[in-house]
Amino acid sequence: MKKTGKSYIQKKINKLNKKIHRSESQNEENKTWWRKLKLTKLKDKLNHTD
Protein backbone atom coordinates (compact mmCIF):
# COMPACT_ATOMS: atom_id res chain seq x y z
CA MET A 1 0.00 0.00 0.00
CA LYS A 2 1.24 3.47 -0.87
CA LYS A 3 2.28 5.61 2.07
CA THR A 4 0.55 8.98 1.95
CA GLY A 5 2.56 11.91 3.24
CA LYS A 6 1.38 15.27 4.48
CA SER A 7 2.23 17.08 1.26
CA TYR A 8 0.31 14.50 -0.80
CA ILE A 9 -2.81 14.85 1.37
CA GLN A 10 -2.57 18.66 1.32
CA LYS A 11 -2.41 18.60 -2.47
CA LYS A 12 -5.51 16.37 -2.57
CA ILE A 13 -7.32 18.78 -0.20
CA ASN A 14 -6.47 21.76 -2.42
CA LYS A 15 -7.75 19.98 -5.54
CA LEU A 16 -10.93 18.98 -3.74
CA ASN A 17 -11.51 22.56 -2.56
CA LYS A 18 -11.30 23.77 -6.16
CA LYS A 19 -13.80 21.12 -7.23
CA ILE A 20 -16.15 22.06 -4.38
CA HIS A 21 -16.13 25.75 -5.33
CA ARG A 22 -16.72 24.88 -8.98
CA SER A 23 -19.66 22.61 -8.17
CA GLU A 24 -21.14 25.26 -5.85
CA SER A 25 -21.03 27.85 -8.62
CA GLN A 26 -22.76 25.37 -10.96
CA ASN A 27 -25.43 24.55 -8.32
CA GLU A 28 -24.46 20.86 -8.22
CA GLU A 29 -25.62 20.20 -4.65
CA ASN A 30 -25.14 16.44 -4.78
CA LYS A 31 -21.54 16.66 -5.98
CA THR A 32 -20.80 19.37 -3.43
CA TRP A 33 -22.16 17.22 -0.61
CA TRP A 34 -20.08 14.17 -1.58
CA ARG A 35 -16.93 16.23 -2.02
CA LYS A 36 -17.36 17.93 1.36
CA LEU A 37 -17.74 14.49 2.90
CA LYS A 38 -14.48 13.35 1.30
CA LEU A 39 -12.82 16.61 2.36
CA THR A 40 -13.57 15.97 6.03
CA LYS A 41 -12.12 12.45 5.67
CA LEU A 42 -8.92 13.85 4.17
CA LYS A 43 -8.62 16.51 6.88
CA ASP A 44 -8.97 13.85 9.58
CA LYS A 45 -6.33 11.75 7.84
CA LEU A 46 -4.03 14.77 7.67
CA ASN A 47 -4.41 15.41 11.40
CA HIS A 48 -3.54 11.80 12.24
CA THR A 49 -0.41 11.55 10.06
CA ASP A 50 2.91 12.71 11.44
PDB file of N, CA and C in Angstrom:
ATOM      1  N   MET A   1       0.832  -1.189   0.000  1.00  0.00           N
ATOM      2  CA  MET A   1       0.000   0.000   0.000  1.00  0.00           C
ATOM      3  C   MET A   1       0.876   1.251   0.000  1.00  0.00           C
ATOM      4  N   LYS A   2       0.468   2.236  -0.749  1.00  0.00           N
ATOM      5  CA  LYS A   2       1.239   3.467  -0.867  1.00  0.00           C
ATOM      6  C   LYS A   2       1.141   4.284   0.416  1.00  0.00           C
ATOM      7  N   LYS A   3       2.288   4.771   0.884  1.00  0.00           N
ATOM      8  CA  LYS A   3       2.285   5.614   2.074  1.00  0.00           C
ATOM      9  C   LYS A   3       1.959   7.046   1.661  1.00  0.00           C
ATOM     10  N   THR A   4       0.965   7.623   2.308  1.00  0.00           N
ATOM     11  CA  THR A   4       0.550   8.978   1.955  1.00  0.00           C
ATOM     12  C   THR A   4       1.151   9.965   2.938  1.00  0.00           C
ATOM     13  N   GLY A   5       1.935  10.896   2.414  1.00  0.00           N
ATOM     14  CA  GLY A   5       2.560  11.905   3.244  1.00  0.00           C
ATOM     15  C   GLY A   5       1.683  13.130   3.382  1.00  0.00           C
ATOM     16  N   LYS A   6       2.152  14.046   4.237  1.00  0.00           N
ATOM     17  CA  LYS A   6       1.380  15.271   4.480  1.00  0.00           C
ATOM     18  C   LYS A   6       1.222  16.102   3.218  1.00  0.00           C
ATOM     19  N   SER A   7       2.294  16.241   2.456  1.00  0.00           N
ATOM     20  CA  SER A   7       2.228  17.080   1.258  1.00  0.00           C
ATOM     21  C   SER A   7       1.256  16.497   0.234  1.00  0.00           C
ATOM     22  N   TYR A   8       1.222  15.171   0.133  1.00  0.00           N
ATOM     23  CA  TYR A   8       0.306  14.501  -0.797  1.00  0.00           C
ATOM     24  C   TYR A   8      -1.144  14.766  -0.400  1.00  0.00           C
ATOM     25  N   ILE A   9      -1.440  14.635   0.884  1.00  0.00           N
ATOM     26  CA  ILE A   9      -2.808  14.851   1.370  1.00  0.00           C
ATOM     27  C   ILE A   9      -3.206  16.315   1.213  1.00  0.00           C
ATOM     28  N   GLN A  10      -2.278  17.228   1.484  1.00  0.00           N
ATOM     29  CA  GLN A  10      -2.575  18.659   1.322  1.00  0.00           C
ATOM     30  C   GLN A  10      -2.880  18.995  -0.128  1.00  0.00           C
ATOM     31  N   LYS A  11      -2.156  18.371  -1.049  1.00  0.00           N
ATOM     32  CA  LYS A  11      -2.408  18.596  -2.472  1.00  0.00           C
ATOM     33  C   LYS A  11      -3.801  18.098  -2.850  1.00  0.00           C
ATOM     34  N   LYS A  12      -4.178  16.919  -2.321  1.00  0.00           N
ATOM     35  CA  LYS A  12      -5.509  16.373  -2.572  1.00  0.00           C
ATOM     36  C   LYS A  12      -6.589  17.299  -2.016  1.00  0.00           C
ATOM     37  N   ILE A  13      -6.358  17.863  -0.828  1.00  0.00           N
ATOM     38  CA  ILE A  13      -7.320  18.775  -0.203  1.00  0.00           C
ATOM     39  C   ILE A  13      -7.495  20.020  -1.067  1.00  0.00           C
ATOM     40  N   ASN A  14      -6.398  20.567  -1.574  1.00  0.00           N
ATOM     41  CA  ASN A  14      -6.474  21.759  -2.420  1.00  0.00           C
ATOM     42  C   ASN A  14      -7.263  21.486  -3.700  1.00  0.00           C
ATOM     43  N   LYS A  15      -7.008  20.339  -4.321  1.00  0.00           N
ATOM     44  CA  LYS A  15      -7.747  19.975  -5.541  1.00  0.00           C
ATOM     45  C   LYS A  15      -9.230  19.827  -5.250  1.00  0.00           C
ATOM     46  N   LEU A  16      -9.535  19.203  -4.117  1.00  0.00           N
ATOM     47  CA  LEU A  16     -10.925  18.981  -3.741  1.00  0.00           C
ATOM     48  C   LEU A  16     -11.631  20.298  -3.454  1.00  0.00           C
ATOM     49  N   ASN A  17     -10.929  21.238  -2.827  1.00  0.00           N
ATOM     50  CA  ASN A  17     -11.507  22.558  -2.562  1.00  0.00           C
ATOM     51  C   ASN A  17     -11.876  23.263  -3.858  1.00  0.00           C
ATOM     52  N   LYS A  18     -11.007  23.167  -4.857  1.00  0.00           N
ATOM     53  CA  LYS A  18     -11.302  23.772  -6.160  1.00  0.00           C
ATOM     54  C   LYS A  18     -12.546  23.152  -6.771  1.00  0.00           C
ATOM     55  N   LYS A  19     -12.639  21.815  -6.681  1.00  0.00           N
ATOM     56  CA  LYS A  19     -13.800  21.119  -7.234  1.00  0.00           C
ATOM     57  C   LYS A  19     -15.075  21.503  -6.496  1.00  0.00           C
ATOM     58  N   ILE A  20     -14.981  21.680  -5.180  1.00  0.00           N
ATOM     59  CA  ILE A  20     -16.153  22.065  -4.383  1.00  0.00           C
ATOM     60  C   ILE A  20     -16.645  23.437  -4.808  1.00  0.00           C
ATOM     61  N   HIS A  21     -15.729  24.390  -4.936  1.00  0.00           N
ATOM     62  CA  HIS A  21     -16.131  25.745  -5.329  1.00  0.00           C
ATOM     63  C   HIS A  21     -16.738  25.760  -6.730  1.00  0.00           C
ATOM     64  N   ARG A  22     -16.182  24.953  -7.624  1.00  0.00           N
ATOM     65  CA  ARG A  22     -16.715  24.878  -8.976  1.00  0.00           C
ATOM     66  C   ARG A  22     -18.130  24.295  -8.971  1.00  0.00           C
ATOM     67  N   SER A  23     -18.335  23.241  -8.205  1.00  0.00           N
ATOM     68  CA  SER A  23     -19.664  22.615  -8.168  1.00  0.00           C
ATOM     69  C   SER A  23     -20.685  23.512  -7.472  1.00  0.00           C
ATOM     70  N   GLU A  24     -20.229  24.317  -6.502  1.00  0.00           N
ATOM     71  CA  GLU A  24     -21.145  25.263  -5.849  1.00  0.00           C
ATOM     72  C   GLU A  24     -21.589  26.342  -6.828  1.00  0.00           C
ATOM     73  N   SER A  25     -20.670  26.808  -7.659  1.00  0.00           N
ATOM     74  CA  SER A  25     -21.030  27.849  -8.623  1.00  0.00           C
ATOM     75  C   SER A  25     -21.954  27.307  -9.713  1.00  0.00           C
ATOM     76  N   GLN A  26     -21.896  25.995  -9.952  1.00  0.00           N
ATOM     77  CA  GLN A  26     -22.760  25.371 -10.960  1.00  0.00           C
ATOM     78  C   GLN A  26     -24.036  24.792 -10.349  1.00  0.00           C
ATOM     79  N   ASN A  27     -24.252  25.039  -9.065  1.00  0.00           N
ATOM     80  CA  ASN A  27     -25.425  24.552  -8.323  1.00  0.00           C
ATOM     81  C   ASN A  27     -25.574  23.031  -8.373  1.00  0.00           C
ATOM     82  N   GLU A  28     -24.462  22.334  -8.266  1.00  0.00           N
ATOM     83  CA  GLU A  28     -24.459  20.864  -8.219  1.00  0.00           C
ATOM     84  C   GLU A  28     -24.417  20.446  -6.748  1.00  0.00           C
ATOM     85  N   GLU A  29     -25.586  20.443  -6.093  1.00  0.00           N
ATOM     86  CA  GLU A  29     -25.621  20.202  -4.654  1.00  0.00           C
ATOM     87  C   GLU A  29     -25.167  18.800  -4.273  1.00  0.00           C
ATOM     88  N   ASN A  30     -25.517  17.814  -5.097  1.00  0.00           N
ATOM     89  CA  ASN A  30     -25.143  16.437  -4.784  1.00  0.00           C
ATOM     90  C   ASN A  30     -23.624  16.251  -4.819  1.00  0.00           C
ATOM     91  N   LYS A  31     -22.996  16.768  -5.869  1.00  0.00           N
ATOM     92  CA  LYS A  31     -21.539  16.660  -5.979  1.00  0.00           C
ATOM     93  C   LYS A  31     -20.860  17.404  -4.839  1.00  0.00           C
ATOM     94  N   THR A  32     -21.384  18.577  -4.507  1.00  0.00           N
ATOM     95  CA  THR A  32     -20.804  19.369  -3.430  1.00  0.00           C
ATOM     96  C   THR A  32     -20.861  18.596  -2.120  1.00  0.00           C
ATOM     97  N   TRP A  33     -21.990  17.965  -1.856  1.00  0.00           N
ATOM     98  CA  TRP A  33     -22.164  17.219  -0.612  1.00  0.00           C
ATOM     99  C   TRP A  33     -21.159  16.073  -0.506  1.00  0.00           C
ATOM    100  N   TRP A  34     -21.015  15.295  -1.595  1.00  0.00           N
ATOM    101  CA  TRP A  34     -20.083  14.174  -1.583  1.00  0.00           C
ATOM    102  C   TRP A  34     -18.644  14.646  -1.433  1.00  0.00           C
ATOM    103  N   ARG A  35     -18.303  15.736  -2.092  1.00  0.00           N
ATOM    104  CA  ARG A  35     -16.926  16.228  -2.020  1.00  0.00           C
ATOM    105  C   ARG A  35     -16.604  16.786  -0.645  1.00  0.00           C
ATOM    106  N   LYS A  36     -17.578  17.428  -0.005  1.00  0.00           N
ATOM    107  CA  LYS A  36     -17.356  17.927   1.357  1.00  0.00           C
ATOM    108  C   LYS A  36     -17.173  16.767   2.326  1.00  0.00           C
ATOM    109  N   LEU A  37     -17.895  15.683   2.079  1.00  0.00           N
ATOM    110  CA  LEU A  37     -17.744  14.490   2.899  1.00  0.00           C
ATOM    111  C   LEU A  37     -16.323  13.935   2.767  1.00  0.00           C
ATOM    112  N   LYS A  38     -15.833  13.851   1.547  1.00  0.00           N
ATOM    113  CA  LYS A  38     -14.483  13.354   1.297  1.00  0.00           C
ATOM    114  C   LYS A  38     -13.439  14.310   1.876  1.00  0.00           C
ATOM    115  N   LEU A  39     -13.734  15.609   1.825  1.00  0.00           N
ATOM    116  CA  LEU A  39     -12.819  16.608   2.360  1.00  0.00           C
ATOM    117  C   LEU A  39     -12.627  16.425   3.862  1.00  0.00           C
ATOM    118  N   THR A  40     -13.701  16.177   4.584  1.00  0.00           N
ATOM    119  CA  THR A  40     -13.571  15.966   6.030  1.00  0.00           C
ATOM    120  C   THR A  40     -12.752  14.712   6.324  1.00  0.00           C
ATOM    121  N   LYS A  41     -12.917  13.675   5.504  1.00  0.00           N
ATOM    122  CA  LYS A  41     -12.119  12.455   5.672  1.00  0.00           C
ATOM    123  C   LYS A  41     -10.632  12.756   5.489  1.00  0.00           C
ATOM    124  N   LEU A  42     -10.317  13.522   4.443  1.00  0.00           N
ATOM    125  CA  LEU A  42      -8.919  13.853   4.172  1.00  0.00           C
ATOM    126  C   LEU A  42      -8.327  14.716   5.277  1.00  0.00           C
ATOM    127  N   LYS A  43      -9.106  15.657   5.802  1.00  0.00           N
ATOM    128  CA  LYS A  43      -8.617  16.511   6.885  1.00  0.00           C
ATOM    129  C   LYS A  43      -8.345  15.701   8.145  1.00  0.00           C
ATOM    130  N   ASP A  44      -9.206  14.732   8.432  1.00  0.00           N
ATOM    131  CA  ASP A  44      -8.973  13.849   9.576  1.00  0.00           C
ATOM    132  C   ASP A  44      -7.703  13.033   9.372  1.00  0.00           C
ATOM    133  N   LYS A  45      -7.524  12.533   8.161  1.00  0.00           N
ATOM    134  CA  LYS A  45      -6.334  11.747   7.841  1.00  0.00           C
ATOM    135  C   LYS A  45      -5.075  12.599   7.989  1.00  0.00           C
ATOM    136  N   LEU A  46      -5.161  13.860   7.572  1.00  0.00           N
ATOM    137  CA  LEU A  46      -4.026  14.773   7.667  1.00  0.00           C
ATOM    138  C   LEU A  46      -3.661  15.028   9.123  1.00  0.00           C
ATOM    139  N   ASN A  47      -4.663  15.158   9.984  1.00  0.00           N
ATOM    140  CA  ASN A  47      -4.410  15.408  11.403  1.00  0.00           C
ATOM    141  C   ASN A  47      -3.791  14.203  12.099  1.00  0.00           C
ATOM    142  N   HIS A  48      -4.050  13.002  11.599  1.00  0.00           N
ATOM    143  CA  HIS A  48      -3.537  11.799  12.244  1.00  0.00           C
ATOM    144  C   HIS A  48      -2.181  11.362  11.709  1.00  0.00           C
ATOM    145  N   THR A  49      -1.723  11.923  10.605  1.00  0.00           N
ATOM    146  CA  THR A  49      -0.412  11.549  10.062  1.00  0.00           C
ATOM    147  C   THR A  49       0.654  12.489  10.590  1.00  0.00           C
ATOM    148  N   ASP A  50       1.750  11.902  10.986  1.00  0.00           N
ATOM    149  CA  ASP A  50       2.910  12.706  11.436  1.00  0.00           C
ATOM    150  C   ASP A  50       4.210  12.050  11.073  1.00  0.00           C
TER     151      ASP A  50
END
